[in-house]
Amino acid sequence: MNKLVPFTANDQKQIVKKRSGETKFGDLIQIIDASSPIYEQLVNLDVTFVIFGIPEDIGSFANNGKSGTYTAWSEALKVLLNMQSNTFNNPSKVLVLGRLDFLKEQKTISNFNPLKIADRKKARLIVANIDKHVSKLMHDIVKAGKKPIVIGGSHSNAYGNIKGTSLALKTPVNAINLDAHANFDIQDGRHSGNAFTYAYNEGFLSKYFIFGMHENQVSQRVLNTIEKLPKKIAYTTFESLYVRKQSKYGKEILRALRFIQGKPFGIEIDCDAIENMPSIAMSSSGLSVGKAREFLNVFSKHKNATYLHICGAAPELASKKTAKLSSKFIGDLITDFIRANGS
């Protein structure tokens, strides 16, 4: 069953707030014709970037985590489409494709008890099914020669992003992940904590760099696994950068880029790595918004940057004011990625 709900002209009209003398980002975006085959449109449309949302938090639930990430897509889209279209922003090369609809699955897990192992196992089967839809859509977008911008959702969707990109390009790909967590847990059923494990063990992920990982949030088992694969997995921790100051931010950025730049790579940003950002694993310590945007700019400019995935944001867990700030942050990241790619 096709889970894609296309973004329509009516959606556009409802979201974009008109103001005299201004042109908004959402005024100039491209949208598809829902009555025509999507892949053919992706191939033929004169766009560079394809934005879609995955409003779900099932992957987090399956990892015994909090809910709330399913609201990030709709809130971020409102902010993005009402940004200014000007010399700095060129939305004409942007297609807002729509969202993958997992409302039925969300309702199913609302009846589950996260403390019950049996319910978490059921949720992990649902995540495995979600993977198929994410992977297929990513495959089609990348095969059509476009760059996906994916708004999650939980970090479980990194697996579908990587798999779909790898299948489209017919080669394993690399990934850079700005994250407080490694998300390289054991393969005990699909969830937000093992997206990169599955992608690596199944041959879709070649090299993986975790940037800003929190030392208190990684198990020794995961560290042992990483240390056995020094040519394939590397990391820098938040504490080494900002607490002990053993490493310099700029040098670590370049080390990470050298590690993953040899192949097409995806850029993964989990909002839990950003200080006080409303997320399902909110951090009191983390990178500043400015440093995160600088991080994205460096990697986005590289010719092998293939997609951007922003996940983990949970506006509903914050106050109205703070929720707005998190949505604006996502909008800023999207436009940073677009500008860095020359549009």
Protein backbone atom coordinates (compact mmCIF):
# COMPACT_ATOMS: atom_id res chain seq x y z
CA MET A 1 0.00 0.00 0.00
CA ASN A 2 1.28 3.48 -0.92
CA LYS A 3 1.76 5.48 2.26
CA LEU A 4 2.66 8.77 0.60
CA VAL A 5 0.19 11.61 1.12
CA PRO A 6 1.19 14.25 -1.46
CA PHE A 7 1.44 17.89 -0.49
CA THR A 8 -1.23 19.77 -2.45
CA ALA A 9 -1.97 23.28 -3.67
CA ASN A 10 -4.71 23.45 -1.06
CA ASP A 11 -2.21 22.55 1.68
CA GLN A 12 0.05 25.26 0.34
CA LYS A 13 -2.75 27.83 0.40
CA GLN A 14 -3.70 26.97 3.99
CA ILE A 15 -0.14 27.14 5.35
CA VAL A 16 1.41 30.13 3.60
CA LYS A 17 0.43 33.40 5.28
CA LYS A 18 0.22 36.22 2.75
CA ARG A 19 1.67 39.61 3.59
CA SER A 20 1.74 42.64 1.31
CA GLY A 21 5.14 43.30 -0.28
CA GLU A 22 6.58 39.90 0.67
CA THR A 23 7.15 36.64 -1.16
CA LYS A 24 7.28 33.60 1.10
CA PHE A 25 9.34 30.45 0.65
CA GLY A 26 6.12 28.49 0.25
CA ASP A 27 4.92 30.70 -2.61
CA LEU A 28 7.62 29.41 -4.97
CA ILE A 29 8.03 25.74 -4.08
CA GLN A 30 7.16 22.98 -6.53
CA ILE A 31 4.43 20.41 -5.85
CA ILE A 32 3.49 17.24 -7.71
CA ASP A 33 0.36 16.22 -9.55
CA ALA A 34 -1.12 13.53 -7.31
CA SER A 35 -2.94 11.96 -10.28
CA SER A 36 0.27 11.19 -12.21
CA PRO A 37 3.01 8.62 -11.50
CA ILE A 38 5.33 10.10 -8.89
CA TYR A 39 8.66 8.70 -10.06
CA GLU A 40 8.26 10.07 -13.60
CA GLN A 41 7.50 13.49 -12.14
CA LEU A 42 10.57 13.30 -9.92
CA VAL A 43 12.73 12.57 -12.94
CA ASN A 44 11.29 15.33 -15.09
CA LEU A 45 10.77 18.16 -12.62
CA ASP A 46 13.49 20.82 -12.61
CA VAL A 47 14.19 20.59 -8.88
CA THR A 48 17.25 19.70 -6.84
CA PHE A 49 15.73 19.02 -3.41
CA VAL A 50 12.76 16.88 -2.39
CA ILE A 51 11.34 17.43 1.09
CA PHE A 52 9.12 14.88 2.80
CA GLY A 53 8.05 14.08 6.33
CA ILE A 54 7.84 10.93 8.42
CA PRO A 55 5.50 11.91 11.28
CA GLU A 56 5.88 8.99 13.67
CA ASP A 57 7.47 8.07 16.98
CA ILE A 58 7.01 4.31 16.82
CA GLY A 59 10.75 3.74 16.53
CA SER A 60 11.26 5.58 19.80
CA PHE A 61 8.46 3.66 21.51
CA ALA A 62 10.01 0.39 20.33
CA ASN A 63 13.24 1.49 22.04
CA ASN A 64 11.41 2.25 25.30
CA GLY A 65 11.68 5.97 24.60
CA LYS A 66 9.32 8.94 24.73
CA SER A 67 6.66 9.94 22.23
CA GLY A 68 6.34 13.30 20.52
CA THR A 69 8.35 13.26 17.29
CA TYR A 70 5.28 12.76 15.10
CA THR A 71 4.44 16.48 15.40
CA ALA A 72 7.78 17.81 14.12
CA TRP A 73 6.91 17.55 10.41
CA SER A 74 3.74 19.64 10.46
CA GLU A 75 5.19 22.29 12.78
CA ALA A 76 8.46 22.63 10.88
CA LEU A 77 6.66 22.83 7.54
CA LYS A 78 4.59 25.80 8.75
CA VAL A 79 7.75 27.67 9.69
CA LEU A 80 9.70 26.75 6.55
CA LEU A 81 6.98 27.75 4.10
CA ASN A 82 6.54 31.12 5.80
CA MET A 83 10.21 32.04 5.64
CA GLN A 84 11.13 34.82 3.24
CA SER A 85 11.97 34.12 -0.39
CA ASN A 86 14.78 36.51 -1.22
CA THR A 87 18.35 36.75 -2.54
CA PHE A 88 19.47 34.22 0.06
CA ASN A 89 16.71 31.65 -0.47
CA ASN A 90 15.75 30.05 -3.79
CA PRO A 91 12.71 27.80 -3.24
CA SER A 92 12.10 27.31 -6.97
CA LYS A 93 14.42 24.27 -6.91
CA VAL A 94 12.55 22.72 -3.97
CA LEU A 95 9.78 20.16 -4.22
CA VAL A 96 7.64 19.60 -1.13
CA LEU A 97 6.55 16.06 -1.82
CA GLY A 98 4.37 15.29 1.20
CA ARG A 99 4.42 12.87 4.10
CA LEU A 100 4.39 9.16 4.72
CA ASP A 101 1.17 8.37 6.58
CA PHE A 102 1.59 6.13 9.60
CA LEU A 103 -1.44 7.38 11.53
CA LYS A 104 -2.94 3.88 11.64
CA GLU A 105 0.27 2.51 13.11
CA GLN A 106 0.42 5.37 15.62
CA LYS A 107 -3.09 4.51 16.80
CA THR A 108 -2.09 0.86 17.14
CA ILE A 109 0.82 1.57 19.48
CA SER A 110 -1.29 3.98 21.54
CA ASN A 111 -2.87 0.83 22.97
CA PHE A 112 0.50 -0.74 23.78
CA ASN A 113 2.24 -0.66 27.14
CA PRO A 114 5.91 0.38 26.71
CA LEU A 115 6.83 -1.53 29.85
CA LYS A 116 5.68 -4.82 28.33
CA ILE A 117 8.30 -6.67 26.32
CA ALA A 118 5.62 -8.27 24.14
CA ASP A 119 4.25 -4.86 23.16
CA ARG A 120 7.70 -3.51 22.36
CA LYS A 121 8.28 -6.56 20.13
CA LYS A 122 5.04 -5.81 18.28
CA ALA A 123 6.16 -2.21 17.83
CA ARG A 124 9.47 -3.39 16.39
CA LEU A 125 7.64 -5.39 13.74
CA ILE A 126 5.74 -2.23 12.82
CA VAL A 127 9.04 -0.32 12.55
CA ALA A 128 10.36 -2.99 10.18
CA ASN A 129 7.33 -2.39 7.96
CA ILE A 130 7.84 1.39 8.09
CA ASP A 131 11.42 0.76 6.92
CA LYS A 132 10.10 -0.63 3.65
CA HIS A 133 8.15 2.53 2.84
CA VAL A 134 10.98 4.89 3.81
CA SER A 135 13.52 2.88 1.82
CA LYS A 136 11.32 2.78 -1.28
CA LEU A 137 10.66 6.50 -1.29
CA MET A 138 14.33 7.34 -0.67
CA HIS A 139 15.31 4.97 -3.48
CA ASP A 140 12.99 6.67 -5.95
CA ILE A 141 14.08 10.20 -5.04
CA VAL A 142 17.81 9.43 -5.20
CA LYS A 143 17.45 7.36 -8.38
CA ALA A 144 15.67 10.33 -9.96
CA GLY A 145 18.81 12.40 -9.31
CA LYS A 146 17.39 14.54 -6.50
CA LYS A 147 18.56 15.21 -2.94
CA PRO A 148 16.08 14.15 -0.22
CA ILE A 149 15.49 16.31 2.84
CA VAL A 150 13.73 14.11 5.39
CA ILE A 151 11.96 15.44 8.49
CA GLY A 152 11.26 12.82 11.14
CA GLY A 153 10.14 11.12 13.14
CA SER A 154 12.41 8.98 15.24
CA HIS A 155 15.98 8.05 14.36
CA SER A 156 14.87 4.56 13.39
CA ASN A 157 14.29 6.01 9.92
CA ALA A 158 18.02 6.38 9.31
CA TYR A 159 18.00 2.72 8.27
CA GLY A 160 15.47 3.31 5.48
CA ASN A 161 17.34 6.45 4.40
CA ILE A 162 20.62 4.59 4.07
CA LYS A 163 19.17 1.46 2.50
CA GLY A 164 17.13 3.36 -0.09
CA THR A 165 20.08 5.58 -1.02
CA SER A 166 22.43 2.61 -1.27
CA LEU A 167 20.05 0.64 -3.49
CA ALA A 168 19.50 3.65 -5.77
CA LEU A 169 23.23 4.28 -6.19
CA LYS A 170 24.07 0.56 -6.26
CA THR A 171 26.85 0.98 -3.71
CA PRO A 172 27.18 1.09 0.07
CA VAL A 173 27.10 4.68 1.35
CA ASN A 174 28.60 6.53 4.29
CA ALA A 175 26.92 8.55 7.04
CA ILE A 176 27.78 11.40 9.37
CA ASN A 177 25.55 11.59 12.44
CA LEU A 178 25.34 14.59 14.77
CA ASP A 179 23.91 12.82 17.78
CA ALA A 180 24.17 12.36 21.53
CA HIS A 181 23.76 8.62 20.94
CA ALA A 182 25.59 6.10 18.75
CA ASN A 183 22.42 4.25 17.70
CA PHE A 184 24.53 1.17 17.11
CA ASP A 185 22.78 -1.17 19.53
CA ILE A 186 22.37 -4.91 18.95
CA GLN A 187 19.95 -6.27 16.36
CA ASP A 188 17.07 -7.19 18.67
CA GLY A 189 14.29 -6.03 16.38
CA ARG A 190 14.07 -2.67 14.67
CA HIS A 191 13.92 0.51 16.74
CA SER A 192 15.52 3.93 17.02
CA GLY A 193 18.63 2.62 18.75
CA ASN A 194 19.90 0.26 16.04
CA ALA A 195 19.23 1.86 12.65
CA PHE A 196 22.92 2.11 11.83
CA THR A 197 23.65 -1.40 13.10
CA TYR A 198 21.19 -2.95 10.68
CA ALA A 199 22.33 -0.74 7.82
CA TYR A 200 25.97 -1.68 8.42
CA ASN A 201 25.47 -5.40 8.93
CA GLU A 202 23.26 -5.64 5.83
CA GLY A 203 25.91 -3.98 3.67
CA PHE A 204 24.17 -0.67 2.96
CA LEU A 205 26.39 1.43 5.26
CA SER A 206 30.13 1.50 4.65
CA LYS A 207 31.63 4.14 6.97
CA TYR A 208 29.93 5.83 9.89
CA PHE A 209 31.04 8.83 11.99
CA ILE A 210 29.21 9.92 15.16
CA PHE A 211 29.83 13.58 16.02
CA GLY A 212 29.23 14.98 19.51
CA MET A 213 28.30 11.68 21.15
CA HIS A 214 27.67 11.95 24.89
CA GLU A 215 29.93 9.71 26.95
CA ASN A 216 27.19 9.04 29.50
CA GLN A 217 24.80 7.84 26.79
CA VAL A 218 26.79 5.04 25.15
CA SER A 219 27.04 1.52 26.56
CA GLN A 220 30.34 -0.28 26.92
CA ARG A 221 28.97 -3.00 24.64
CA VAL A 222 28.51 -0.47 21.84
CA LEU A 223 31.94 1.04 22.50
CA ASN A 224 33.50 -2.43 22.30
CA THR A 225 31.82 -2.98 18.93
CA ILE A 226 32.98 0.38 17.59
CA GLU A 227 36.56 -0.19 18.77
CA LYS A 228 36.71 -3.42 16.78
CA LEU A 229 35.88 -1.50 13.58
CA PRO A 230 38.28 1.50 13.55
CA LYS A 231 38.36 1.72 9.76
CA LYS A 232 34.58 1.68 9.52
CA ILE A 233 33.25 3.56 12.57
CA ALA A 234 34.69 6.62 14.30
CA TYR A 235 33.42 9.26 16.68
CA THR A 236 34.15 12.36 18.70
CA THR A 237 32.44 13.06 22.01
CA PHE A 238 30.87 16.23 23.34
CA GLU A 239 32.96 15.95 26.49
CA SER A 240 36.25 15.76 24.58
CA LEU A 241 35.26 18.90 22.67
CA TYR A 242 33.71 21.12 25.31
CA VAL A 243 34.37 19.72 28.80
CA ARG A 244 37.97 18.49 28.70
CA LYS A 245 38.76 20.47 25.53
CA GLN A 246 41.06 17.73 24.29
CA SER A 247 39.85 18.26 20.73
CA LYS A 248 39.09 21.33 18.67
CA TYR A 249 35.75 21.65 16.94
CA GLY A 250 37.14 22.67 13.55
CA LYS A 251 39.74 19.91 13.48
CA GLU A 252 37.19 17.27 14.44
CA ILE A 253 34.83 18.47 11.72
CA LEU A 254 37.61 18.02 9.15
CA ARG A 255 38.55 14.61 10.58
CA ALA A 256 34.96 13.47 10.26
CA LEU A 257 34.73 14.81 6.71
CA ARG A 258 37.91 13.01 5.67
CA PHE A 259 36.54 9.81 7.17
CA ILE A 260 33.29 9.74 5.17
CA GLN A 261 33.88 11.89 2.08
CA GLY A 262 35.12 9.08 -0.18
CA LYS A 263 31.61 7.84 -0.98
CA PRO A 264 28.14 9.38 -1.26
CA PHE A 265 27.05 10.13 2.30
CA GLY A 266 23.96 11.03 4.24
CA ILE A 267 23.85 13.76 6.88
CA GLU A 268 21.89 12.74 9.98
CA ILE A 269 21.04 15.32 12.65
CA ASP A 270 19.32 14.26 15.85
CA CYS A 271 17.93 17.20 17.79
CA ASP A 272 18.93 15.55 21.07
CA ALA A 273 22.51 16.63 20.31
CA ILE A 274 21.50 20.31 20.55
CA GLU A 275 21.50 21.99 23.93
CA ASN A 276 18.00 22.33 25.42
CA MET A 277 16.31 21.55 22.10
CA PRO A 278 12.86 19.98 22.64
CA SER A 279 13.42 16.35 21.72
CA ILE A 280 12.55 12.89 22.94
CA ALA A 281 15.97 12.66 24.63
CA MET A 282 16.52 16.31 25.49
CA SER A 283 20.05 17.26 26.55
CA SER A 284 20.97 19.92 29.09
CA SER A 285 24.43 19.91 27.50
CA GLY A 286 25.02 19.83 23.79
CA LEU A 287 26.12 21.75 20.74
CA SER A 288 24.75 25.25 20.30
CA VAL A 289 22.35 25.96 17.45
CA GLY A 290 25.08 27.99 15.75
CA LYS A 291 27.63 25.16 15.94
CA ALA A 292 25.08 22.68 14.58
CA ARG A 293 24.38 24.93 11.61
CA GLU A 294 28.11 25.37 11.01
CA PHE A 295 28.49 21.57 11.12
CA LEU A 296 25.77 21.13 8.51
CA ASN A 297 27.20 23.79 6.23
CA VAL A 298 30.61 22.10 6.07
CA PHE A 299 29.23 18.68 5.12
CA SER A 300 26.49 19.97 2.84
CA LYS A 301 28.97 21.74 0.58
CA HIS A 302 30.74 18.50 -0.31
CA LYS A 303 29.88 16.99 -3.69
CA ASN A 304 29.11 13.61 -2.09
CA ALA A 305 26.46 14.98 0.31
CA THR A 306 23.42 12.99 -0.80
CA TYR A 307 20.63 13.59 1.72
CA LEU A 308 19.72 15.37 4.94
CA HIS A 309 17.69 13.77 7.73
CA ILE A 310 16.56 15.82 10.75
CA CYS A 311 14.96 13.76 13.51
CA GLY A 312 14.22 13.51 17.20
CA ALA A 313 12.51 16.90 17.56
CA ALA A 314 9.44 16.80 19.80
CA PRO A 315 7.69 20.18 19.78
CA GLU A 316 4.74 18.85 21.77
CA LEU A 317 6.98 18.20 24.77
CA ALA A 318 7.87 21.89 25.04
CA SER A 319 6.13 25.14 25.82
CA LYS A 320 4.55 26.94 22.88
CA LYS A 321 7.46 29.40 22.67
CA THR A 322 10.16 26.73 22.84
CA ALA A 323 8.31 24.50 20.37
CA LYS A 324 8.34 27.38 17.88
CA LEU A 325 12.08 27.74 18.33
CA SER A 326 12.66 24.05 17.58
CA SER A 327 10.58 24.29 14.41
CA LYS A 328 12.50 27.38 13.32
CA PHE A 329 15.74 25.49 13.93
CA ILE A 330 14.60 22.74 11.56
CA GLY A 331 13.64 25.36 8.98
CA ASP A 332 17.06 26.98 9.30
CA LEU A 333 18.79 23.62 8.79
CA ILE A 334 16.77 22.95 5.66
CA THR A 335 17.64 26.31 4.11
CA ASP A 336 21.29 25.93 5.18
CA PHE A 337 21.46 22.62 3.32
CA ILE A 338 19.88 24.15 0.23
CA ARG A 339 22.18 27.20 0.22
CA ALA A 340 25.29 25.09 0.76
CA ASN A 341 24.39 23.10 -2.36
CA GLY A 342 24.42 26.28 -4.44
CA SER A 343 20.69 27.02 -4.67
